[in-house]
């Protein structure tokens, strides 16, 4: 099973639903923030670097996606104990942004993701930088051996 691990530093940004506007043959999403574009570009750039280093090729196989999102630590966060990251953004919107950023680079289309591994968000520990660790694993179809 081929696995690709991508580490992206920076503040994870969620993708909100927004509205798709069609003008002639052009389609674009209204309500997309600059920080989302920046985050998706970072994810895509880091993915491309790992692909080049590891020799991953664009796949059309079924996939499993896992991700850990490390959110900036609030100044009010206690130093002696950890508290769950229950504030915004929603975990599903963080995953959505990553799925779209990797489409066309790691996999042909995000509908190839047929299962999720561990998807998690947490606050950064003291001195830790925010970001994400993303793993994409090819799943071998039934009846096919490696």
N, C-alpha and C. Protein backbone atom coordinates (compact mmCIF):
# COMPACT_ATOMS: atom_id res chain seq x y z
N UNK A 1 0.85 -1.17 0.00
CA UNK A 1 0.00 0.00 0.00
C UNK A 1 0.90 1.24 0.00
N UNK A 2 0.74 2.10 -0.97
CA UNK A 2 1.48 3.36 -1.05
C UNK A 2 0.86 4.36 -0.09
N UNK A 3 1.72 5.05 0.66
CA UNK A 3 1.26 6.08 1.59
C UNK A 3 2.09 7.34 1.39
N UNK A 4 1.42 8.45 1.41
CA UNK A 4 2.06 9.76 1.26
C UNK A 4 1.77 10.55 2.52
N UNK A 5 2.82 11.11 3.15
CA UNK A 5 2.63 11.94 4.34
C UNK A 5 3.10 13.35 4.04
N UNK A 6 2.22 14.31 4.29
CA UNK A 6 2.48 15.71 3.98
C UNK A 6 2.37 16.51 5.28
N UNK A 7 3.39 17.32 5.58
CA UNK A 7 3.36 18.20 6.74
C UNK A 7 3.30 19.63 6.24
N UNK A 8 2.32 20.36 6.72
CA UNK A 8 2.12 21.76 6.29
C UNK A 8 2.12 22.64 7.54
N UNK A 9 2.99 23.65 7.54
CA UNK A 9 3.03 24.59 8.66
C UNK A 9 2.20 25.81 8.33
N UNK A 10 1.61 26.40 9.35
CA UNK A 10 0.74 27.56 9.16
C UNK A 10 -0.60 27.30 9.80
N UNK A 11 -1.44 28.29 9.83
CA UNK A 11 -2.74 28.13 10.46
C UNK A 11 -3.72 27.44 9.52
N UNK A 12 -4.21 26.25 9.90
CA UNK A 12 -5.21 25.57 9.06
C UNK A 12 -6.45 26.44 8.89
N UNK A 13 -6.92 26.51 7.65
CA UNK A 13 -8.07 27.36 7.33
C UNK A 13 -9.19 26.50 6.78
N UNK A 14 -10.41 26.66 7.29
CA UNK A 14 -11.53 25.87 6.81
C UNK A 14 -12.06 26.37 5.48
N UNK A 15 -12.73 25.49 4.79
CA UNK A 15 -13.42 25.87 3.56
C UNK A 15 -14.90 25.91 3.87
N UNK A 16 -15.49 27.06 3.72
CA UNK A 16 -16.93 27.21 3.96
C UNK A 16 -17.67 26.96 2.66
N UNK A 17 -18.95 26.73 2.75
CA UNK A 17 -19.74 26.39 1.58
C UNK A 17 -19.71 27.49 0.52
N UNK A 18 -19.96 28.72 0.90
CA UNK A 18 -19.95 29.80 -0.09
C UNK A 18 -21.01 29.59 -1.17
N UNK A 19 -20.96 30.41 -2.18
CA UNK A 19 -21.91 30.34 -3.29
C UNK A 19 -21.13 30.26 -4.59
N UNK A 20 -21.52 29.35 -5.47
CA UNK A 20 -20.86 29.26 -6.76
C UNK A 20 -21.57 30.18 -7.74
N UNK A 21 -20.79 31.04 -8.39
CA UNK A 21 -21.34 31.98 -9.37
C UNK A 21 -20.86 31.56 -10.75
N UNK A 22 -21.79 31.52 -11.70
CA UNK A 22 -21.46 31.14 -13.07
C UNK A 22 -21.62 32.37 -13.96
N UNK A 23 -20.54 32.70 -14.68
CA UNK A 23 -20.58 33.80 -15.65
C UNK A 23 -20.05 33.25 -16.96
N UNK A 24 -20.94 33.06 -17.92
CA UNK A 24 -20.52 32.45 -19.18
C UNK A 24 -20.04 31.04 -18.91
N UNK A 25 -18.80 30.73 -19.32
CA UNK A 25 -18.23 29.40 -19.08
C UNK A 25 -17.38 29.37 -17.81
N UNK A 26 -17.27 30.49 -17.12
CA UNK A 26 -16.45 30.57 -15.92
C UNK A 26 -17.30 30.32 -14.68
N UNK A 27 -16.71 29.58 -13.73
CA UNK A 27 -17.36 29.33 -12.45
C UNK A 27 -16.38 29.75 -11.36
N UNK A 28 -16.87 30.44 -10.36
CA UNK A 28 -16.02 30.75 -9.22
C UNK A 28 -16.87 30.78 -7.96
N UNK A 29 -16.21 30.62 -6.86
CA UNK A 29 -16.90 30.55 -5.58
C UNK A 29 -16.81 31.89 -4.88
N UNK A 30 -17.94 32.47 -4.57
CA UNK A 30 -17.98 33.73 -3.82
C UNK A 30 -17.86 33.40 -2.33
N UNK A 31 -17.29 34.31 -1.60
CA UNK A 31 -17.17 34.11 -0.16
C UNK A 31 -15.93 33.31 0.22
N UNK A 32 -15.01 33.08 -0.71
CA UNK A 32 -13.78 32.37 -0.40
C UNK A 32 -12.76 33.40 0.09
N UNK A 33 -12.18 33.16 1.24
CA UNK A 33 -11.26 34.13 1.82
C UNK A 33 -9.85 33.99 1.23
N UNK A 34 -9.07 35.05 1.38
CA UNK A 34 -7.68 35.01 0.92
C UNK A 34 -6.89 34.02 1.75
N UNK A 35 -7.22 33.90 3.05
CA UNK A 35 -6.49 32.96 3.90
C UNK A 35 -6.75 31.52 3.46
N UNK A 36 -7.95 31.23 2.95
CA UNK A 36 -8.23 29.89 2.43
C UNK A 36 -7.38 29.62 1.20
N UNK A 37 -7.30 30.58 0.29
CA UNK A 37 -6.47 30.41 -0.91
C UNK A 37 -5.01 30.18 -0.52
N UNK A 38 -4.54 30.95 0.46
CA UNK A 38 -3.17 30.82 0.93
C UNK A 38 -2.93 29.44 1.52
N UNK A 39 -3.87 28.96 2.37
CA UNK A 39 -3.75 27.65 3.00
C UNK A 39 -3.76 26.54 1.96
N UNK A 40 -4.70 26.59 1.03
CA UNK A 40 -4.76 25.55 -0.01
C UNK A 40 -3.51 25.56 -0.87
N UNK A 41 -2.97 26.72 -1.18
CA UNK A 41 -1.71 26.80 -1.93
C UNK A 41 -0.56 26.17 -1.15
N UNK A 42 -0.52 26.42 0.15
CA UNK A 42 0.54 25.81 0.99
C UNK A 42 0.42 24.29 0.99
N UNK A 43 -0.80 23.78 1.15
CA UNK A 43 -1.02 22.33 1.14
C UNK A 43 -0.58 21.75 -0.20
N UNK A 44 -0.98 22.38 -1.30
CA UNK A 44 -0.62 21.91 -2.64
C UNK A 44 0.89 21.95 -2.86
N UNK A 45 1.54 23.03 -2.43
CA UNK A 45 2.99 23.17 -2.60
C UNK A 45 3.75 22.10 -1.81
N UNK A 46 3.36 21.89 -0.57
CA UNK A 46 4.01 20.86 0.25
C UNK A 46 3.76 19.46 -0.33
N UNK A 47 2.54 19.23 -0.82
CA UNK A 47 2.24 17.94 -1.44
C UNK A 47 3.11 17.71 -2.66
N UNK A 48 3.26 18.73 -3.48
CA UNK A 48 4.10 18.62 -4.68
C UNK A 48 5.55 18.31 -4.32
N UNK A 49 6.06 18.94 -3.27
CA UNK A 49 7.43 18.69 -2.83
C UNK A 49 7.61 17.24 -2.36
N UNK A 50 6.64 16.72 -1.61
CA UNK A 50 6.72 15.34 -1.12
C UNK A 50 6.58 14.36 -2.29
N UNK A 51 5.69 14.67 -3.22
CA UNK A 51 5.51 13.81 -4.39
C UNK A 51 6.81 13.71 -5.19
N UNK A 52 7.46 14.85 -5.39
CA UNK A 52 8.71 14.87 -6.13
C UNK A 52 9.78 14.06 -5.41
N UNK A 53 9.85 14.22 -4.09
CA UNK A 53 10.85 13.50 -3.30
C UNK A 53 10.58 11.99 -3.23
N UNK A 54 9.31 11.63 -3.04
CA UNK A 54 8.96 10.22 -2.82
C UNK A 54 8.58 9.45 -4.07
N UNK A 55 8.41 10.14 -5.19
CA UNK A 55 8.07 9.46 -6.43
C UNK A 55 6.62 9.01 -6.54
N UNK A 56 5.74 9.64 -5.83
CA UNK A 56 4.30 9.34 -5.89
C UNK A 56 3.78 9.78 -7.25
N UNK A 57 2.90 9.01 -7.84
CA UNK A 57 2.28 9.43 -9.10
C UNK A 57 0.79 9.64 -8.87
N UNK A 58 0.23 10.54 -9.66
CA UNK A 58 -1.20 10.82 -9.57
C UNK A 58 -1.95 9.50 -9.67
N UNK A 59 -2.80 9.23 -8.71
CA UNK A 59 -3.47 7.94 -8.65
C UNK A 59 -4.97 8.06 -8.90
N UNK A 60 -5.52 6.97 -9.37
CA UNK A 60 -6.98 6.88 -9.52
C UNK A 60 -7.52 5.74 -8.67
N UNK A 61 -6.70 5.24 -7.75
CA UNK A 61 -7.08 4.16 -6.84
C UNK A 61 -7.98 4.70 -5.72
N UNK A 62 -8.72 3.81 -5.05
CA UNK A 62 -9.45 4.22 -3.85
C UNK A 62 -8.45 4.61 -2.76
N UNK A 63 -8.82 5.59 -1.94
CA UNK A 63 -7.89 6.14 -0.97
C UNK A 63 -8.46 6.26 0.43
N UNK A 64 -7.55 6.31 1.40
CA UNK A 64 -7.89 6.63 2.78
C UNK A 64 -7.18 7.93 3.12
N UNK A 65 -7.89 8.86 3.75
CA UNK A 65 -7.32 10.14 4.15
C UNK A 65 -7.31 10.22 5.68
N UNK A 66 -6.17 10.60 6.23
CA UNK A 66 -6.04 10.85 7.67
C UNK A 66 -5.44 12.25 7.82
N UNK A 67 -5.78 12.92 8.90
CA UNK A 67 -5.23 14.26 9.10
C UNK A 67 -5.27 14.64 10.57
N UNK A 68 -4.23 15.36 10.99
CA UNK A 68 -4.21 15.98 12.30
C UNK A 68 -3.99 17.47 12.08
N UNK A 69 -4.92 18.28 12.57
CA UNK A 69 -4.85 19.73 12.44
C UNK A 69 -4.41 20.30 13.79
N UNK A 70 -3.34 21.07 13.78
CA UNK A 70 -2.82 21.67 14.99
C UNK A 70 -3.17 23.16 14.94
N UNK A 71 -4.11 23.54 15.75
CA UNK A 71 -4.64 24.90 15.76
C UNK A 71 -3.80 25.79 16.67
N UNK A 72 -3.71 27.10 16.36
CA UNK A 72 -2.95 28.00 17.22
C UNK A 72 -3.44 27.94 18.66
N UNK A 73 -2.51 27.95 19.57
CA UNK A 73 -2.84 27.89 21.00
C UNK A 73 -3.34 29.26 21.47
N UNK A 74 -4.55 29.33 22.02
CA UNK A 74 -5.06 30.61 22.52
C UNK A 74 -4.21 31.10 23.69
N UNK A 75 -4.08 32.41 23.81
CA UNK A 75 -3.31 32.97 24.92
C UNK A 75 -3.92 32.60 26.27
N UNK A 76 -5.23 32.38 26.29
CA UNK A 76 -5.91 32.05 27.54
C UNK A 76 -5.84 30.55 27.87
N UNK A 77 -5.22 29.75 27.00
CA UNK A 77 -5.14 28.30 27.21
C UNK A 77 -4.28 28.01 28.44
N UNK A 78 -4.74 27.12 29.33
CA UNK A 78 -3.94 26.80 30.52
C UNK A 78 -2.60 26.18 30.14
N UNK A 79 -1.57 26.48 30.92
CA UNK A 79 -0.24 25.95 30.63
C UNK A 79 -0.01 24.58 31.25
N UNK A 80 -0.82 24.22 32.25
CA UNK A 80 -0.58 22.97 32.98
C UNK A 80 -1.45 21.80 32.53
N UNK A 81 -2.47 22.07 31.76
CA UNK A 81 -3.32 20.97 31.28
C UNK A 81 -3.84 21.30 29.88
N UNK A 82 -4.18 20.27 29.16
CA UNK A 82 -4.70 20.44 27.80
C UNK A 82 -6.23 20.49 27.85
N UNK A 83 -6.80 21.31 27.00
CA UNK A 83 -8.25 21.34 26.87
C UNK A 83 -8.59 20.99 25.42
N UNK A 84 -9.74 20.36 25.20
CA UNK A 84 -10.12 19.98 23.83
C UNK A 84 -10.34 21.21 22.95
N UNK A 85 -10.04 21.06 21.69
CA UNK A 85 -10.19 22.13 20.70
C UNK A 85 -11.63 22.10 20.18
N UNK A 86 -12.54 22.69 20.93
CA UNK A 86 -13.96 22.63 20.56
C UNK A 86 -14.46 23.91 19.91
N UNK A 87 -13.58 24.86 19.73
CA UNK A 87 -13.96 26.13 19.09
C UNK A 87 -13.88 25.98 17.57
N UNK A 88 -14.36 27.02 16.86
CA UNK A 88 -14.24 27.04 15.41
C UNK A 88 -12.79 26.95 15.01
N UNK A 89 -12.50 26.41 13.87
CA UNK A 89 -13.38 25.98 12.79
C UNK A 89 -13.85 24.54 12.97
N UNK A 90 -14.89 24.20 12.21
CA UNK A 90 -15.40 22.83 12.21
C UNK A 90 -14.39 21.92 11.55
N UNK A 91 -14.25 20.74 12.10
CA UNK A 91 -13.29 19.77 11.57
C UNK A 91 -13.61 19.38 10.13
N UNK A 92 -14.89 19.22 9.82
CA UNK A 92 -15.26 18.80 8.46
C UNK A 92 -14.85 19.84 7.41
N UNK A 93 -14.90 21.13 7.78
CA UNK A 93 -14.50 22.18 6.84
C UNK A 93 -12.98 22.25 6.66
N UNK A 94 -12.22 21.89 7.70
CA UNK A 94 -10.77 21.79 7.58
C UNK A 94 -10.40 20.67 6.61
N UNK A 95 -11.08 19.53 6.75
CA UNK A 95 -10.84 18.39 5.86
C UNK A 95 -11.22 18.74 4.43
N UNK A 96 -12.32 19.42 4.26
CA UNK A 96 -12.80 19.80 2.93
C UNK A 96 -11.75 20.63 2.19
N UNK A 97 -11.14 21.59 2.89
CA UNK A 97 -10.12 22.44 2.27
C UNK A 97 -8.92 21.60 1.81
N UNK A 98 -8.51 20.64 2.64
CA UNK A 98 -7.38 19.77 2.29
C UNK A 98 -7.73 18.87 1.11
N UNK A 99 -8.92 18.28 1.13
CA UNK A 99 -9.34 17.41 0.02
C UNK A 99 -9.28 18.15 -1.31
N UNK A 100 -9.81 19.36 -1.33
CA UNK A 100 -9.82 20.15 -2.57
C UNK A 100 -8.42 20.58 -2.98
N UNK A 101 -7.56 20.88 -2.01
CA UNK A 101 -6.19 21.31 -2.32
C UNK A 101 -5.38 20.18 -2.96
N UNK A 102 -5.64 18.94 -2.56
CA UNK A 102 -4.87 17.79 -3.06
C UNK A 102 -5.40 17.22 -4.37
N UNK A 103 -6.64 17.57 -4.73
CA UNK A 103 -7.24 17.06 -5.97
C UNK A 103 -6.45 17.56 -7.17
N UNK A 104 -6.13 16.65 -8.06
CA UNK A 104 -5.36 16.99 -9.26
C UNK A 104 -3.85 16.96 -9.02
N UNK A 105 -3.43 16.78 -7.78
CA UNK A 105 -2.00 16.71 -7.45
C UNK A 105 -1.65 15.32 -6.92
N UNK A 106 -2.37 14.91 -5.87
CA UNK A 106 -2.14 13.60 -5.26
C UNK A 106 -3.07 12.56 -5.86
N UNK A 107 -4.30 12.95 -6.11
CA UNK A 107 -5.31 12.06 -6.70
C UNK A 107 -6.09 12.83 -7.75
N UNK A 108 -6.73 12.06 -8.63
CA UNK A 108 -7.46 12.68 -9.73
C UNK A 108 -8.68 13.47 -9.22
N UNK A 109 -9.41 12.91 -8.26
CA UNK A 109 -10.63 13.54 -7.78
C UNK A 109 -10.85 13.13 -6.32
N UNK A 110 -11.39 14.03 -5.50
CA UNK A 110 -11.57 13.69 -4.09
C UNK A 110 -12.65 12.64 -3.84
N UNK A 111 -13.41 12.28 -4.83
CA UNK A 111 -14.39 11.20 -4.63
C UNK A 111 -13.70 9.83 -4.52
N UNK A 112 -12.40 9.78 -4.82
CA UNK A 112 -11.63 8.55 -4.63
C UNK A 112 -11.42 8.23 -3.15
N UNK A 113 -11.61 9.22 -2.29
CA UNK A 113 -11.48 8.99 -0.85
C UNK A 113 -12.71 8.22 -0.40
N UNK A 114 -12.48 6.95 -0.07
CA UNK A 114 -13.62 6.11 0.29
C UNK A 114 -13.69 5.84 1.79
N UNK A 115 -12.63 6.21 2.51
CA UNK A 115 -12.63 6.03 3.96
C UNK A 115 -11.69 7.04 4.59
N UNK A 116 -11.94 7.31 5.84
CA UNK A 116 -11.08 8.21 6.60
C UNK A 116 -10.38 7.41 7.68
N UNK A 117 -9.11 7.75 7.91
CA UNK A 117 -8.39 7.24 9.06
C UNK A 117 -8.69 8.18 10.21
N UNK A 118 -7.71 8.44 11.03
CA UNK A 118 -7.90 9.35 12.16
C UNK A 118 -7.92 10.78 11.65
N UNK A 119 -8.99 11.48 11.93
CA UNK A 119 -9.14 12.90 11.61
C UNK A 119 -9.30 13.59 12.96
N UNK A 120 -8.41 14.55 13.23
CA UNK A 120 -8.34 15.09 14.58
C UNK A 120 -7.88 16.55 14.53
N UNK A 121 -8.38 17.36 15.45
CA UNK A 121 -7.84 18.71 15.61
C UNK A 121 -7.54 18.91 17.08
N UNK A 122 -6.50 19.67 17.34
CA UNK A 122 -6.08 19.96 18.71
C UNK A 122 -5.36 21.29 18.73
N UNK A 123 -5.21 21.82 19.94
CA UNK A 123 -4.43 23.04 20.10
C UNK A 123 -2.95 22.68 20.12
N UNK A 124 -2.12 23.59 19.63
CA UNK A 124 -0.68 23.39 19.65
C UNK A 124 -0.20 23.34 21.10
N UNK A 125 0.81 22.52 21.33
CA UNK A 125 1.43 22.49 22.65
C UNK A 125 2.31 23.72 22.79
N UNK A 126 2.78 23.99 24.00
CA UNK A 126 3.65 25.14 24.22
C UNK A 126 4.86 25.04 23.31
N UNK A 127 5.13 26.09 22.53
CA UNK A 127 6.28 26.12 21.64
C UNK A 127 6.09 25.40 20.32
N UNK A 128 4.95 24.75 20.11
CA UNK A 128 4.69 24.02 18.87
C UNK A 128 4.02 24.94 17.86
N UNK A 129 4.38 24.79 16.59
CA UNK A 129 3.79 25.61 15.54
C UNK A 129 2.51 24.96 15.03
N UNK A 130 1.55 25.79 14.63
CA UNK A 130 0.30 25.26 14.07
C UNK A 130 0.55 24.72 12.67
N UNK A 131 -0.37 23.89 12.19
CA UNK A 131 -0.24 23.30 10.86
C UNK A 131 -1.08 22.04 10.75
N UNK A 132 -0.65 21.15 9.88
CA UNK A 132 -1.38 19.89 9.67
C UNK A 132 -0.43 18.81 9.20
N UNK A 133 -0.74 17.59 9.59
CA UNK A 133 -0.07 16.41 9.06
C UNK A 133 -1.15 15.61 8.35
N UNK A 134 -0.94 15.38 7.07
CA UNK A 134 -1.94 14.73 6.23
C UNK A 134 -1.35 13.45 5.67
N UNK A 135 -2.11 12.37 5.73
CA UNK A 135 -1.67 11.10 5.16
C UNK A 135 -2.71 10.63 4.15
N UNK A 136 -2.22 10.24 2.98
CA UNK A 136 -3.08 9.68 1.94
C UNK A 136 -2.54 8.29 1.65
N UNK A 137 -3.38 7.28 1.75
CA UNK A 137 -2.95 5.90 1.51
C UNK A 137 -3.80 5.28 0.41
N UNK A 138 -3.13 4.66 -0.56
CA UNK A 138 -3.85 3.91 -1.59
C UNK A 138 -4.37 2.63 -0.97
N UNK A 139 -5.60 2.29 -1.27
CA UNK A 139 -6.18 1.03 -0.81
C UNK A 139 -6.17 0.06 -1.98
N UNK A 140 -5.67 -1.12 -1.76
CA UNK A 140 -5.60 -2.11 -2.82
C UNK A 140 -7.01 -2.67 -3.03
N UNK A 141 -7.55 -2.59 -4.25
CA UNK A 141 -8.88 -3.13 -4.50
C UNK A 141 -8.93 -4.63 -4.23
N UNK A 142 -10.10 -5.11 -3.83
CA UNK A 142 -10.29 -6.54 -3.54
C UNK A 142 -9.92 -7.36 -4.77
N UNK A 143 -9.25 -8.49 -4.52
CA UNK A 143 -8.86 -9.37 -5.61
C UNK A 143 -7.55 -9.01 -6.26
N UNK A 144 -6.91 -7.96 -5.77
CA UNK A 144 -5.64 -7.54 -6.35
C UNK A 144 -4.57 -7.56 -5.26
N UNK A 145 -3.47 -8.17 -5.53
CA UNK A 145 -2.40 -8.21 -4.53
C UNK A 145 -1.26 -7.31 -4.98
N UNK A 146 -0.45 -6.92 -3.98
CA UNK A 146 0.71 -6.06 -4.31
C UNK A 146 1.91 -6.91 -4.58
